[in-house]
Amino acid sequence: MARKISIDASEAFVNGTPFKRDNTAVVVMTSGTVQLFLFDNCIAQKVKNEMHITTAGWETVTTKDRLNALPGVSIYQKDHQWYLNDLPWDGEWIEPSKIILRTLNIDEAAA
């Protein structure tokens, strides 16, 4: 279960509402771009309805918690490897919805 701060930050991120609590912030730019920051590192960005995420080089429990609170994101770690939506992930910028689609295509091909 995500921490309250992660849930509140995710809600603000999705709604495009500025948010600041402790080490987490959501910034809404005049261009309409919305960014989620953890310790001054941008870990998620939304332009229109396209969202991208990254660990910003910090594969921590807190980073995982903040990102897991976002819609369409499921991150876990096994044997020091991070997985995003059940596929290995190196933490670099990625659009989670593409991972979901790729996962669906793999499943459909196997059927």
Protein backbone atom coordinates (compact mmCIF):
# COMPACT_ATOMS: atom_id res chain seq x y z
CA MET A 1 0.00 0.00 0.00
CA ALA A 2 1.37 3.39 -0.98
CA ARG A 3 2.05 5.97 1.69
CA LYS A 4 -0.41 8.88 2.07
CA ILE A 5 2.12 11.37 0.67
CA SER A 6 2.53 9.21 -2.45
CA ILE A 7 -1.22 8.95 -2.95
CA ASP A 8 -1.71 12.71 -2.48
CA ALA A 9 1.20 13.53 -4.81
CA SER A 10 -0.15 11.13 -7.45
CA GLU A 11 -3.58 12.71 -7.23
CA ALA A 12 -2.06 16.19 -7.68
CA PHE A 13 0.10 14.94 -10.57
CA VAL A 14 -2.86 13.39 -12.40
CA ASN A 15 -5.06 16.46 -11.82
CA GLY A 16 -2.32 18.95 -12.70
CA THR A 17 -2.47 20.61 -9.28
CA PRO A 18 0.62 22.05 -7.57
CA PHE A 19 1.65 20.09 -4.48
CA LYS A 20 4.48 20.31 -1.93
CA ARG A 21 4.97 18.16 1.14
CA ASP A 22 8.26 17.16 2.74
CA ASN A 23 10.57 15.77 0.01
CA THR A 24 7.88 15.54 -2.70
CA ALA A 25 6.53 18.20 -5.06
CA VAL A 26 4.31 18.46 -8.10
CA VAL A 27 5.09 21.40 -10.36
CA VAL A 28 2.71 22.61 -13.05
CA MET A 29 4.44 24.61 -15.76
CA THR A 30 2.80 27.34 -17.82
CA SER A 31 3.09 25.05 -20.87
CA GLY A 32 0.79 22.57 -19.11
CA THR A 33 3.57 20.08 -18.43
CA VAL A 34 3.28 18.50 -14.97
CA GLN A 35 6.32 17.17 -13.15
CA LEU A 36 6.67 15.05 -10.02
CA PHE A 37 9.80 15.66 -7.97
CA LEU A 38 11.37 13.63 -5.18
CA PHE A 39 14.31 15.31 -3.41
CA ASP A 40 14.58 17.81 -6.31
CA ASN A 41 14.83 14.99 -8.88
CA CYS A 42 12.13 14.80 -11.55
CA ILE A 43 10.83 11.21 -11.46
CA ALA A 44 7.67 11.66 -13.57
CA GLN A 45 6.53 14.04 -16.26
CA LYS A 46 3.19 14.40 -18.01
CA VAL A 47 2.76 16.32 -21.24
CA LYS A 48 -0.89 16.37 -22.27
CA ASN A 49 -1.93 12.77 -21.49
CA GLU A 50 1.47 11.18 -22.10
CA MET A 51 3.31 10.24 -18.90
CA HIS A 52 6.97 9.24 -18.60
CA ILE A 53 8.75 8.03 -15.47
CA THR A 54 12.34 7.47 -14.31
CA THR A 55 14.16 6.58 -11.10
CA ALA A 56 16.48 9.53 -11.75
CA GLY A 57 19.26 7.16 -10.72
CA TRP A 58 17.74 6.55 -7.28
CA GLU A 59 16.40 3.01 -6.98
CA THR A 60 15.07 3.45 -3.46
CA VAL A 61 12.01 2.29 -1.56
CA THR A 62 10.74 5.91 -1.55
CA THR A 63 11.18 6.32 -5.31
CA LYS A 64 9.36 3.04 -5.86
CA ASP A 65 6.54 4.12 -3.52
CA ARG A 66 6.02 7.47 -5.28
CA LEU A 67 6.02 5.89 -8.75
CA ASN A 68 3.78 2.98 -7.76
CA ALA A 69 1.10 5.46 -6.70
CA LEU A 70 0.82 6.67 -10.32
CA PRO A 71 -1.83 5.12 -12.58
CA GLY A 72 -0.59 2.32 -14.83
CA VAL A 73 2.63 1.85 -12.86
CA SER A 74 3.55 -1.36 -11.05
CA ILE A 75 7.17 -1.57 -9.90
CA TYR A 76 8.77 -4.28 -7.84
CA GLN A 77 12.29 -5.54 -7.26
CA LYS A 78 13.57 -9.11 -7.40
CA ASP A 79 17.22 -10.17 -7.11
CA HIS A 80 18.36 -6.52 -7.36
CA GLN A 81 16.48 -6.10 -10.67
CA TRP A 82 13.64 -3.59 -10.96
CA TYR A 83 10.55 -4.57 -12.91
CA LEU A 84 8.04 -2.16 -14.41
CA ASN A 85 4.70 -3.77 -15.25
CA ASP A 86 6.37 -7.21 -15.05
CA LEU A 87 9.21 -6.43 -17.47
CA PRO A 88 12.84 -5.67 -16.47
CA TRP A 89 13.48 -1.94 -16.24
CA ASP A 90 16.74 -0.02 -15.98
CA GLY A 91 15.12 3.08 -14.44
CA GLU A 92 15.58 5.24 -17.54
CA TRP A 93 12.79 7.48 -18.86
CA ILE A 94 9.94 5.36 -20.19
CA GLU A 95 6.24 5.64 -20.93
CA PRO A 96 4.53 3.03 -18.70
CA SER A 97 1.50 2.71 -20.98
CA LYS A 98 3.80 1.39 -23.72
CA ILE A 99 4.98 -1.34 -21.34
CA ILE A 100 1.36 -2.32 -20.66
CA LEU A 101 0.64 -2.47 -24.38
CA ARG A 102 3.78 -4.48 -25.02
CA THR A 103 2.81 -6.89 -22.23
CA LEU A 104 -0.67 -7.28 -23.72
CA ASN A 105 0.80 -7.94 -27.16
CA ILE A 106 3.11 -10.63 -25.76
CA ASP A 107 0.19 -12.29 -23.97
CA GLU A 108 -2.00 -12.09 -27.04
CA ALA A 109 0.72 -13.63 -29.21
CA ALA A 110 1.05 -16.55 -26.81
CA ALA A 111 -2.69 -17.30 -26.94
